[in-house]
Every structure is written in C-alpha cells, then in structure tokens.
Protein backbone atom coordinates (compact mmCIF):
# COMPACT_ATOMS: atom_id res chain seq x y z
CA MET A 1 -166.00 134.24 -80.55
CA LYS A 2 -162.55 135.01 -81.85
CA ILE A 3 -160.27 137.67 -80.44
CA SER A 4 -159.98 139.39 -83.84
CA GLU A 5 -163.76 139.84 -83.91
CA ILE A 6 -163.69 141.35 -80.43
CA ARG A 7 -160.86 143.75 -81.27
CA ASN A 8 -162.90 145.18 -84.17
CA LEU A 9 -165.75 146.26 -81.87
CA ASN A 10 -165.87 149.70 -80.32
CA GLU A 11 -166.12 150.29 -76.57
CA ASN A 12 -169.91 150.60 -76.45
CA ASP A 13 -170.36 147.39 -78.43
CA LEU A 14 -167.92 145.62 -76.11
CA LYS A 15 -169.86 146.71 -73.04
CA THR A 16 -173.10 145.54 -74.63
CA LYS A 17 -171.52 142.22 -75.57
CA LEU A 18 -170.21 141.82 -72.01
CA LYS A 19 -173.67 142.42 -70.57
CA ASP A 20 -175.17 139.86 -72.98
CA LEU A 21 -172.55 137.27 -72.11
CA LYS A 22 -173.08 137.74 -68.39
CA SER A 23 -176.82 137.27 -68.75
CA GLU A 24 -176.23 134.16 -70.86
CA LEU A 25 -173.91 132.79 -68.17
CA PHE A 26 -176.58 133.43 -65.56
CA ASN A 27 -179.16 131.56 -67.64
CA LEU A 28 -176.77 128.66 -68.18
CA ARG A 29 -176.06 128.39 -64.47
CA PHE A 30 -179.78 128.46 -63.77
CA GLN A 31 -180.35 125.65 -66.27
CA LEU A 32 -177.53 123.68 -64.64
CA ALA A 33 -179.14 124.06 -61.22
CA ILE A 34 -182.46 122.67 -62.42
CA ASN A 35 -180.82 119.93 -64.52
CA GLN A 36 -181.96 121.22 -67.92
CA LEU A 37 -178.56 122.14 -69.33
CA GLU A 38 -177.91 120.38 -72.63
CA ASN A 39 -174.28 121.38 -73.18
CA PRO A 40 -172.25 121.94 -69.98
CA MET A 41 -169.20 122.98 -72.00
CA ARG A 42 -171.07 126.11 -73.07
CA ILE A 43 -170.56 127.54 -69.56
CA ARG A 44 -166.80 127.25 -70.01
CA ALA A 45 -166.92 128.89 -73.45
CA VAL A 46 -169.03 131.81 -72.19
CA LYS A 47 -166.65 132.38 -69.28
CA LYS A 48 -163.72 132.53 -71.69
CA ASP A 49 -165.58 134.96 -73.94
CA ILE A 50 -166.29 137.19 -70.93
CA ALA A 51 -162.59 137.16 -70.05
CA ARG A 52 -161.65 138.03 -73.63
CA VAL A 53 -164.03 140.98 -73.75
CA GLN A 54 -162.83 142.26 -70.38
CA THR A 55 -159.22 141.98 -71.52
CA ILE A 56 -159.85 143.99 -74.67
CA LEU A 57 -161.78 146.63 -72.70
CA ARG A 58 -158.83 146.96 -70.33
CA GLU A 59 -156.36 147.21 -73.22
CA LYS A 60 -158.40 149.98 -74.80
CA GLU A 61 -158.60 151.78 -71.45
CA LEU A 62 -154.84 151.59 -70.97
CA SER A 63 -154.12 152.77 -74.51
CA ALA A 64 -156.46 155.74 -74.02
CA THR A 65 -154.66 156.79 -70.84
CA ALA A 66 -151.25 156.33 -72.47
CA GLU A 67 -152.26 158.66 -75.30
CA ALA A 68 -153.46 161.33 -72.89
C-alpha cells in the first residue's frame, strides 16, 4: 500500500484499515507458529503498512489540533 493511497483516506477509513491490518498480522503470526506461512516477507510488509497508517493518523490528529 502506497503512502499516497493512505493519505487520501479519511479518518474512519484509516481506523478500519488499521484494524484490518492488525487482524491480518495476527493471522500471519498464527500461521508462522504452526508452520503454514507461505510468504514470511508478508509479515514485514503488513508491519510497515500498520506503521504508515498510524503515522498518517497522527499527522491528521496534529493538524486538527493546530487548526483549533
């Protein structure tokens, strides 16, 4: 997921996306524990996507407080 795609989402969509990514990460870790994970690099990509979404959420939060 690219940062430009994330920036275009509103706050509710970002929170939903974050929840989806966290559940996907949980499922990937579970698959890793039972040795059924096909692509271990997917865990790394999901972690980075979570960080990107959290960063954009924080930026939007800071810009909202700066405007107020």
